[in-house]
Amino acid sequence: KADGLAMWVTFFGVLCIDISTGLIIGIISTFILL
């Protein structure tokens, strides 16, 4: 569920904000979940 949540956060971050910000959000969310 943690990795799945990181995937969805990254997906919507890229899609709804922009590519770079979405990737940064995804990386940050991964470390937070870790």
Full PDB file with SEQRES, HELIX, SHEET, SSBOND, CRYST1, ORIGX, SCALE, CONECT and MASTER records, all heavy atoms in Angstrom:
SEQRES   1 A   34  LYS ALA ASP GLY LEU ALA MET TRP VAL THR PHE PHE GLY          
SEQRES   2 A   34  VAL LEU CYS ILE ASP ILE SER THR GLY LEU ILE ILE GLY          
SEQRES   3 A   34  ILE ILE SER THR PHE ILE LEU LEU                              
HELIX    1 AA1 ALA A    2  CYS A   16  1                                  15    
HELIX    2 AA2 ILE A   19  LEU A   33  1                                  15    
CRYST1    1.000    1.000    1.000  90.00  90.00  90.00 P 1           1          
ORIGX1      1.000000  0.000000  0.000000        0.00000                         
ORIGX2      0.000000  1.000000  0.000000        0.00000                         
ORIGX3      0.000000  0.000000  1.000000        0.00000                         
SCALE1      1.000000  0.000000  0.000000        0.00000                         
SCALE2      0.000000  1.000000  0.000000        0.00000                         
SCALE3      0.000000  0.000000  1.000000        0.00000                         
ATOM      1  N   LYS A   1       0.827  -1.208   0.000  1.00  0.00           N  
ATOM      2  CA  LYS A   1       0.000   0.000   0.000  1.00  0.00           C  
ATOM      3  C   LYS A   1       0.861   1.258   0.000  1.00  0.00           C  
ATOM      4  O   LYS A   1       0.521   2.275  -0.609  1.00  0.00           O  
ATOM      5  CB  LYS A   1      -0.928  -0.003   1.230  1.00  0.00           C  
ATOM      6  CG  LYS A   1      -1.927  -1.146   1.265  1.00  0.00           C  
ATOM      7  CD  LYS A   1      -2.929  -1.039   0.119  1.00  0.00           C  
ATOM      8  CE  LYS A   1      -4.038  -2.080   0.241  1.00  0.00           C  
ATOM      9  NZ  LYS A   1      -3.558  -3.445  -0.015  1.00  0.00           N  
ATOM     10  N   ALA A   2       2.013   1.200   0.690  1.00  0.00           N  
ATOM     11  CA  ALA A   2       2.892   2.375   0.750  1.00  0.00           C  
ATOM     12  C   ALA A   2       3.450   2.715  -0.629  1.00  0.00           C  
ATOM     13  O   ALA A   2       3.418   3.864  -1.069  1.00  0.00           O  
ATOM     14  CB  ALA A   2       4.030   2.130   1.745  1.00  0.00           C  
ATOM     15  N   ASP A   3       3.974   1.698  -1.342  1.00  0.00           N  
ATOM     16  CA  ASP A   3       4.505   1.935  -2.681  1.00  0.00           C  
ATOM     17  C   ASP A   3       3.391   2.328  -3.650  1.00  0.00           C  
ATOM     18  O   ASP A   3       3.595   3.165  -4.541  1.00  0.00           O  
ATOM     19  CB  ASP A   3       5.221   0.681  -3.207  1.00  0.00           C  
ATOM     20  CG  ASP A   3       6.556   0.458  -2.522  1.00  0.00           C  
ATOM     21  OD1 ASP A   3       7.180   1.451  -2.105  1.00  0.00           O  
ATOM     22  OD2 ASP A   3       6.970  -0.708  -2.387  1.00  0.00           O  
ATOM     23  N   GLY A   4       2.218   1.711  -3.477  1.00  0.00           N  
ATOM     24  CA  GLY A   4       1.082   2.078  -4.322  1.00  0.00           C  
ATOM     25  C   GLY A   4       0.679   3.525  -4.115  1.00  0.00           C  
ATOM     26  O   GLY A   4       0.374   4.249  -5.074  1.00  0.00           O  
ATOM     27  N   LEU A   5       0.691   3.978  -2.858  1.00  0.00           N  
ATOM     28  CA  LEU A   5       0.363   5.374  -2.560  1.00  0.00           C  
ATOM     29  C   LEU A   5       1.388   6.311  -3.190  1.00  0.00           C  
ATOM     30  O   LEU A   5       1.024   7.353  -3.760  1.00  0.00           O  
ATOM     31  CB  LEU A   5       0.323   5.575  -1.044  1.00  0.00           C  
ATOM     32  CG  LEU A   5      -0.013   6.986  -0.545  1.00  0.00           C  
ATOM     33  CD1 LEU A   5      -1.408   7.397  -1.018  1.00  0.00           C  
ATOM     34  CD2 LEU A   5       0.068   7.055   0.974  1.00  0.00           C  
ATOM     35  N   ALA A   6       2.672   5.946  -3.112  1.00  0.00           N  
ATOM     36  CA  ALA A   6       3.720   6.766  -3.723  1.00  0.00           C  
ATOM     37  C   ALA A   6       3.519   6.870  -5.234  1.00  0.00           C  
ATOM     38  O   ALA A   6       3.750   7.926  -5.834  1.00  0.00           O  
ATOM     39  CB  ALA A   6       5.098   6.181  -3.417  1.00  0.00           C  
ATOM     40  N   MET A   7       3.075   5.771  -5.862  1.00  0.00           N  
ATOM     41  CA  MET A   7       2.823   5.787  -7.303  1.00  0.00           C  
ATOM     42  C   MET A   7       1.705   6.757  -7.654  1.00  0.00           C  
ATOM     43  O   MET A   7       1.825   7.559  -8.589  1.00  0.00           O  
ATOM     44  CB  MET A   7       2.450   4.388  -7.796  1.00  0.00           C  
ATOM     45  CG  MET A   7       3.620   3.427  -7.897  1.00  0.00           C  
ATOM     46  SD  MET A   7       3.186   1.870  -8.724  1.00  0.00           S  
ATOM     47  CE  MET A   7       3.135   2.403 -10.444  1.00  0.00           C  
ATOM     48  N   TRP A   8       0.612   6.701  -6.901  1.00  0.00           N  
ATOM     49  CA  TRP A   8      -0.515   7.583  -7.204  1.00  0.00           C  
ATOM     50  C   TRP A   8      -0.183   9.042  -6.921  1.00  0.00           C  
ATOM     51  O   TRP A   8      -0.593   9.940  -7.673  1.00  0.00           O  
ATOM     52  CB  TRP A   8      -1.754   7.152  -6.405  1.00  0.00           C  
ATOM     53  CG  TRP A   8      -2.418   5.935  -6.952  1.00  0.00           C  
ATOM     54  CD1 TRP A   8      -2.477   4.694  -6.386  1.00  0.00           C  
ATOM     55  CD2 TRP A   8      -3.112   5.825  -8.205  1.00  0.00           C  
ATOM     56  NE1 TRP A   8      -3.159   3.823  -7.200  1.00  0.00           N  
ATOM     57  CE2 TRP A   8      -3.572   4.480  -8.318  1.00  0.00           C  
ATOM     58  CE3 TRP A   8      -3.390   6.725  -9.235  1.00  0.00           C  
ATOM     59  CZ2 TRP A   8      -4.285   4.043  -9.424  1.00  0.00           C  
ATOM     60  CZ3 TRP A   8      -4.107   6.271 -10.344  1.00  0.00           C  
ATOM     61  CH2 TRP A   8      -4.544   4.960 -10.434  1.00  0.00           C  
ATOM     62  N   VAL A   9       0.568   9.284  -5.856  1.00  0.00           N  
ATOM     63  CA  VAL A   9       0.983  10.665  -5.547  1.00  0.00           C  
ATOM     64  C   VAL A   9       1.845  11.214  -6.680  1.00  0.00           C  
ATOM     65  O   VAL A   9       1.667  12.364  -7.123  1.00  0.00           O  
ATOM     66  CB  VAL A   9       1.754  10.702  -4.204  1.00  0.00           C  
ATOM     67  CG1 VAL A   9       2.461  12.041  -4.027  1.00  0.00           C  
ATOM     68  CG2 VAL A   9       0.802  10.455  -3.036  1.00  0.00           C  
ATOM     69  N   THR A  10       2.783  10.400  -7.158  1.00  0.00           N  
ATOM     70  CA  THR A  10       3.639  10.822  -8.268  1.00  0.00           C  
ATOM     71  C   THR A  10       2.816  11.066  -9.526  1.00  0.00           C  
ATOM     72  O   THR A  10       2.999  12.077 -10.222  1.00  0.00           O  
ATOM     73  CB  THR A  10       4.700   9.744  -8.562  1.00  0.00           C  
ATOM     74  OG1 THR A  10       5.431   9.465  -7.376  1.00  0.00           O  
ATOM     75  CG2 THR A  10       5.664  10.205  -9.644  1.00  0.00           C  
ATOM     76  N   PHE A  11       1.914  10.153  -9.821  1.00  0.00           N  
ATOM     77  CA  PHE A  11       1.095  10.259 -11.033  1.00  0.00           C  
ATOM     78  C   PHE A  11       0.296  11.554 -11.047  1.00  0.00           C  
ATOM     79  O   PHE A  11       0.332  12.309 -12.026  1.00  0.00           O  
ATOM     80  CB  PHE A  11       0.165   9.050 -11.117  1.00  0.00           C  
ATOM     81  CG  PHE A  11      -0.719   9.040 -12.335  1.00  0.00           C  
ATOM     82  CD1 PHE A  11      -0.217   8.628 -13.558  1.00  0.00           C  
ATOM     83  CD2 PHE A  11      -2.038   9.453 -12.254  1.00  0.00           C  
ATOM     84  CE1 PHE A  11      -1.032   8.618 -14.690  1.00  0.00           C  
ATOM     85  CE2 PHE A  11      -2.861   9.449 -13.373  1.00  0.00           C  
ATOM     86  CZ  PHE A  11      -2.357   9.028 -14.597  1.00  0.00           C  
ATOM     87  N   PHE A  12      -0.418  11.817  -9.965  1.00  0.00           N  
ATOM     88  CA  PHE A  12      -1.248  13.023  -9.931  1.00  0.00           C  
ATOM     89  C   PHE A  12      -0.407  14.291  -9.793  1.00  0.00           C  
ATOM     90  O   PHE A  12      -0.791  15.358 -10.274  1.00  0.00           O  
ATOM     91  CB  PHE A  12      -2.277  12.929  -8.802  1.00  0.00           C  
ATOM     92  CG  PHE A  12      -3.411  11.988  -9.098  1.00  0.00           C  
ATOM     93  CD1 PHE A  12      -3.567  10.818  -8.384  1.00  0.00           C  
ATOM     94  CD2 PHE A  12      -4.303  12.259 -10.123  1.00  0.00           C  
ATOM     95  CE1 PHE A  12      -4.598   9.931  -8.677  1.00  0.00           C  
ATOM     96  CE2 PHE A  12      -5.340  11.385 -10.427  1.00  0.00           C  
ATOM     97  CZ  PHE A  12      -5.481  10.218  -9.698  1.00  0.00           C  
ATOM     98  N   GLY A  13       0.762  14.166  -9.152  1.00  0.00           N  
ATOM     99  CA  GLY A  13       1.671  15.316  -9.069  1.00  0.00           C  
ATOM    100  C   GLY A  13       2.153  15.737 -10.448  1.00  0.00           C  
ATOM    101  O   GLY A  13       2.142  16.928 -10.795  1.00  0.00           O  
ATOM    102  N   VAL A  14       2.580  14.752 -11.256  1.00  0.00           N  
ATOM    103  CA  VAL A  14       3.038  15.043 -12.620  1.00  0.00           C  
ATOM    104  C   VAL A  14       1.886  15.560 -13.470  1.00  0.00           C  
ATOM    105  O   VAL A  14       2.016  16.542 -14.200  1.00  0.00           O  
ATOM    106  CB  VAL A  14       3.645  13.777 -13.270  1.00  0.00           C  
ATOM    107  CG1 VAL A  14       3.898  13.989 -14.758  1.00  0.00           C  
ATOM    108  CG2 VAL A  14       4.933  13.390 -12.562  1.00  0.00           C  
ATOM    109  N   LEU A  15       0.745  14.904 -13.361  1.00  0.00           N  
ATOM    110  CA  LEU A  15      -0.386  15.214 -14.228  1.00  0.00           C  
ATOM    111  C   LEU A  15      -1.038  16.551 -13.881  1.00  0.00           C  
ATOM    112  O   LEU A  15      -1.457  17.296 -14.768  1.00  0.00           O  
ATOM    113  CB  LEU A  15      -1.421  14.091 -14.133  1.00  0.00           C  
ATOM    114  CG  LEU A  15      -2.199  13.736 -15.398  1.00  0.00           C  
ATOM    115  CD1 LEU A  15      -1.249  13.356 -16.518  1.00  0.00           C  
ATOM    116  CD2 LEU A  15      -3.170  12.603 -15.125  1.00  0.00           C  
ATOM    117  N   CYS A  16      -1.108  16.875 -12.590  1.00  0.00           N  
ATOM    118  CA  CYS A  16      -1.856  18.061 -12.163  1.00  0.00           C  
ATOM    119  C   CYS A  16      -0.973  19.278 -11.882  1.00  0.00           C  
ATOM    120  O   CYS A  16      -1.492  20.409 -11.822  1.00  0.00           O  
ATOM    121  CB  CYS A  16      -2.673  17.745 -10.915  1.00  0.00           C  
ATOM    122  SG  CYS A  16      -3.894  16.440 -11.190  1.00  0.00           S  
ATOM    123  N   ILE A  17       0.343  19.082 -11.693  1.00  0.00           N  
ATOM    124  CA  ILE A  17       1.219  20.230 -11.426  1.00  0.00           C  
ATOM    125  C   ILE A  17       2.173  20.400 -12.599  1.00  0.00           C  
ATOM    126  O   ILE A  17       1.958  21.215 -13.473  1.00  0.00           O  
ATOM    127  CB  ILE A  17       1.982  20.056 -10.093  1.00  0.00           C  
ATOM    128  CG1 ILE A  17       0.992  19.811  -8.936  1.00  0.00           C  
ATOM    129  CG2 ILE A  17       2.820  21.302  -9.800  1.00  0.00           C  
ATOM    130  CD1 ILE A  17       1.639  19.504  -7.606  1.00  0.00           C  
ATOM    131  N   ASP A  18       3.252  19.646 -12.626  1.00  0.00           N  
ATOM    132  CA  ASP A  18       4.146  19.582 -13.784  1.00  0.00           C  
ATOM    133  C   ASP A  18       5.104  18.413 -13.590  1.00  0.00           C  
ATOM    134  O   ASP A  18       5.138  17.792 -12.531  1.00  0.00           O  
ATOM    135  CB  ASP A  18       4.911  20.894 -14.017  1.00  0.00           C  
ATOM    136  CG  ASP A  18       5.800  21.280 -12.849  1.00  0.00           C  
ATOM    137  OD1 ASP A  18       6.697  20.487 -12.496  1.00  0.00           O  
ATOM    138  OD2 ASP A  18       5.613  22.373 -12.272  1.00  0.00           O  
ATOM    139  N   ILE A  19       5.890  18.134 -14.612  1.00  0.00           N  
ATOM    140  CA  ILE A  19       6.740  16.939 -14.607  1.00  0.00           C  
ATOM    141  C   ILE A  19       7.755  16.959 -13.473  1.00  0.00           C  
ATOM    142  O   ILE A  19       7.858  16.007 -12.699  1.00  0.00           O  
ATOM    143  CB  ILE A  19       7.443  16.796 -15.978  1.00  0.00           C  
ATOM    144  CG1 ILE A  19       6.463  16.233 -16.993  1.00  0.00           C  
ATOM    145  CG2 ILE A  19       8.647  15.884 -15.883  1.00  0.00           C  
ATOM    146  CD1 ILE A  19       7.062  15.947 -18.346  1.00  0.00           C  
ATOM    147  N   SER A  20       8.520  18.035 -13.358  1.00  0.00           N  
ATOM    148  CA  SER A  20       9.598  18.091 -12.361  1.00  0.00           C  
ATOM    149  C   SER A  20       9.043  18.073 -10.940  1.00  0.00           C  
ATOM    150  O   SER A  20       9.520  17.324 -10.085  1.00  0.00           O  
ATOM    151  CB  SER A  20      10.451  19.340 -12.582  1.00  0.00           C  
ATOM    152  OG  SER A  20      11.079  19.302 -13.845  1.00  0.00           O  
ATOM    153  N   THR A  21       8.022  18.892 -10.694  1.00  0.00           N  
ATOM    154  CA  THR A  21       7.430  18.945  -9.352  1.00  0.00           C  
ATOM    155  C   THR A  21       6.824  17.602  -8.975  1.00  0.00           C  
ATOM    156  O   THR A  21       6.952  17.142  -7.835  1.00  0.00           O  
ATOM    157  CB  THR A  21       6.363  20.045  -9.278  1.00  0.00           C  
ATOM    158  OG1 THR A  21       6.929  21.290  -9.694  1.00  0.00           O  
ATOM    159  CG2 THR A  21       5.820  20.181  -7.867  1.00  0.00           C  
ATOM    160  N   GLY A  22       6.164  16.967  -9.941  1.00  0.00           N  
ATOM    161  CA  GLY A  22       5.560  15.660  -9.676  1.00  0.00           C  
ATOM    162  C   GLY A  22       6.596  14.634  -9.287  1.00  0.00           C  
ATOM    163  O   GLY A  22       6.375  13.833  -8.370  1.00  0.00           O  
ATOM    164  N   LEU A  23       7.750  14.644  -9.972  1.00  0.00           N  
ATOM    165  CA  LEU A  23       8.806  13.690  -9.639  1.00  0.00           C  
ATOM    166  C   LEU A  23       9.378  13.971  -8.253  1.00  0.00           C  
ATOM    167  O   LEU A  23       9.613  13.040  -7.465  1.00  0.00           O  
ATOM    168  CB  LEU A  23       9.916  13.746 -10.680  1.00  0.00           C  
ATOM    169  CG  LEU A  23      11.092  12.787 -10.456  1.00  0.00           C  
ATOM    170  CD1 LEU A  23      10.622  11.339 -10.394  1.00  0.00           C  
ATOM    171  CD2 LEU A  23      12.153  12.953 -11.539  1.00  0.00           C  
ATOM    172  N   ILE A  24       9.588  15.245  -7.946  1.00  0.00           N  
ATOM    173  CA  ILE A  24      10.104  15.608  -6.622  1.00  0.00           C  
ATOM    174  C   ILE A  24       9.132  15.155  -5.535  1.00  0.00           C  
ATOM    175  O   ILE A  24       9.537  14.588  -4.512  1.00  0.00           O  
ATOM    176  CB  ILE A  24      10.346  17.124  -6.536  1.00  0.00           C  
ATOM    177  CG1 ILE A  24      11.518  17.520  -7.449  1.00  0.00           C  
ATOM    178  CG2 ILE A  24      10.639  17.551  -5.102  1.00  0.00           C  
ATOM    179  CD1 ILE A  24      11.700  19.019  -7.594  1.00  0.00           C  
ATOM    180  N   ILE A  25       7.840  15.389  -5.762  1.00  0.00           N  
ATOM    181  CA  ILE A  25       6.819  14.960  -4.797  1.00  0.00           C  
ATOM    182  C   ILE A  25       6.861  13.445  -4.626  1.00  0.00           C  
ATOM    183  O   ILE A  25       6.764  12.925  -3.509  1.00  0.00           O  
ATOM    184  CB  ILE A  25       5.418  15.422  -5.255  1.00  0.00           C  
ATOM    185  CG1 ILE A  25       5.293  16.944  -5.140  1.00  0.00           C  
ATOM    186  CG2 ILE A  25       4.328  14.742  -4.436  1.00  0.00           C  
ATOM    187  CD1 ILE A  25       4.016  17.493  -5.729  1.00  0.00           C  
ATOM    188  N   GLY A  26       7.017  12.732  -5.735  1.00  0.00           N  
ATOM    189  CA  GLY A  26       7.090  11.272  -5.670  1.00  0.00           C  
ATOM    190  C   GLY A  26       8.283  10.790  -4.869  1.00  0.00           C  
ATOM    191  O   GLY A  26       8.163   9.879  -4.045  1.00  0.00           O  
ATOM    192  N   ILE A  27       9.451  11.412  -5.102  1.00  0.00           N  
ATOM    193  CA  ILE A  27      10.660  11.022  -4.366  1.00  0.00           C  
ATOM    194  C   ILE A  27      10.506  11.323  -2.888  1.00  0.00           C  
ATOM    195  O   ILE A  27      10.832  10.499  -2.024  1.00  0.00           O  
ATOM    196  CB  ILE A  27      11.894  11.744  -4.946  1.00  0.00           C  
ATOM    197  CG1 ILE A  27      12.166  11.268  -6.378  1.00  0.00           C  
ATOM    198  CG2 ILE A  27      13.124  11.492  -4.077  1.00  0.00           C  
ATOM    199  CD1 ILE A  27      13.220  12.074  -7.097  1.00  0.00           C  
ATOM    200  N   ILE A  28       9.989  12.517  -2.574  1.00  0.00           N  
ATOM    201  CA  ILE A  28       9.785  12.896  -1.169  1.00  0.00           C  
ATOM    202  C   ILE A  28       8.803  11.951  -0.489  1.00  0.00           C  
ATOM    203  O   ILE A  28       9.027  11.497   0.643  1.00  0.00           O  
ATOM    204  CB  ILE A  28       9.307  14.357  -1.065  1.00  0.00           C  
ATOM    205  CG1 ILE A  28      10.422  15.319  -1.492  1.00  0.00           C  
ATOM    206  CG2 ILE A  28       8.852  14.680   0.355  1.00  0.00           C  
ATOM    207  CD1 ILE A  28       9.986  16.774  -1.576  1.00  0.00           C  
ATOM    208  N   SER A  29       7.713  11.635  -1.189  1.00  0.00           N  
ATOM    209  CA  SER A  29       6.711  10.733  -0.597  1.00  0.00           C  
ATOM    210  C   SER A  29       7.309   9.352  -0.343  1.00  0.00           C  
ATOM    211  O   SER A  29       6.996   8.709   0.664  1.00  0.00           O  
ATOM    212  CB  SER A  29       5.491  10.619  -1.518  1.00  0.00           C  
ATOM    213  OG  SER A  29       5.819   9.946  -2.724  1.00  0.00           O  
ATOM    214  N   THR A  30       8.202   8.910  -1.242  1.00  0.00           N  
ATOM    215  CA  THR A  30       8.861   7.618  -1.045  1.00  0.00           C  
ATOM    216  C   THR A  30       9.682   7.611   0.235  1.00  0.00           C  
ATOM    217  O   THR A  30       9.631   6.658   1.023  1.00  0.00           O  
ATOM    218  CB  THR A  30       9.778   7.292  -2.243  1.00  0.00           C  
ATOM    219  OG1 THR A  30       8.999   7.263  -3.430  1.00  0.00           O  
ATOM    220  CG2 THR A  30      10.447   5.935  -2.057  1.00  0.00           C  
ATOM    221  N   PHE A  31      10.452   8.685   0.449  1.00  0.00           N  
ATOM    222  CA  PHE A  31      11.294   8.749   1.642  1.00  0.00           C  
ATOM    223  C   PHE A  31      10.445   8.886   2.910  1.00  0.00           C  
ATOM    224  O   PHE A  31      10.773   8.299   3.944  1.00  0.00           O  
ATOM    225  CB  PHE A  31      12.279   9.908   1.536  1.00  0.00           C  
ATOM    226  CG  PHE A  31      13.485   9.584   0.705  1.00  0.00           C  
ATOM    227  CD1 PHE A  31      13.609  10.068  -0.581  1.00  0.00           C  
ATOM    228  CD2 PHE A  31      14.491   8.765   1.198  1.00  0.00           C  
ATOM    229  CE1 PHE A  31      14.716   9.760  -1.360  1.00  0.00           C  
ATOM    230  CE2 PHE A  31      15.597   8.444   0.438  1.00  0.00           C  
ATOM    231  CZ  PHE A  31      15.715   8.945  -0.846  1.00  0.00           C  
ATOM    232  N   ILE A  32       9.356   9.646   2.819  1.00  0.00           N  
ATOM    233  CA  ILE A  32       8.473   9.777   3.986  1.00  0.00           C  
ATOM    234  C   ILE A  32       7.880   8.419   4.350  1.00  0.00           C  
ATOM    235  O   ILE A  32       7.846   8.017   5.530  1.00  0.00           O  
ATOM    236  CB  ILE A  32       7.355  10.799   3.705  1.00  0.00           C  
ATOM    237  CG1 ILE A  32       7.943  12.218   3.639  1.00  0.00           C  
ATOM    238  CG2 ILE A  32       6.278  10.734   4.792  1.00  0.00           C  
ATOM    239  CD1 ILE A  32       6.942  13.278   3.238  1.00  0.00           C  
ATOM    240  N   LEU A  33       7.412   7.692   3.341  1.00  0.00           N  
ATOM    241  CA  LEU A  33       6.834   6.369   3.589  1.00  0.00           C  
ATOM    242  C   LEU A  33       7.893   5.379   4.075  1.00  0.00           C  
ATOM    243  O   LEU A  33       7.604   4.510   4.906  1.00  0.00           O  
ATOM    244  CB  LEU A  33       6.173   5.842   2.316  1.00  0.00           C  
ATOM    245  CG  LEU A  33       4.905   6.589   1.897  1.00  0.00           C  
ATOM    246  CD1 LEU A  33       4.485   6.200   0.484  1.00  0.00           C  
ATOM    247  CD2 LEU A  33       3.771   6.323   2.878  1.00  0.00           C  
ATOM    248  N   LEU A  34       9.120   5.526   3.562  1.00  0.00           N  
ATOM    249  CA  LEU A  34      10.217   4.674   4.033  1.00  0.00           C  
ATOM    250  C   LEU A  34      10.503   4.927   5.509  1.00  0.00           C  
ATOM    251  O   LEU A  34      10.642   3.980   6.305  1.00  0.00           O  
ATOM    252  CB  LEU A  34      11.472   4.934   3.199  1.00  0.00           C  
ATOM    253  CG  LEU A  34      12.748   4.189   3.635  1.00  0.00           C  
ATOM    254  CD1 LEU A  34      12.565   2.687   3.487  1.00  0.00           C  
ATOM    255  CD2 LEU A  34      13.948   4.663   2.832  1.00  0.00           C  
TER     256      LEU A  34                                                      
MASTER        0    0    0    2    0    0    0    6  255    1    0    3          
END                                                                             
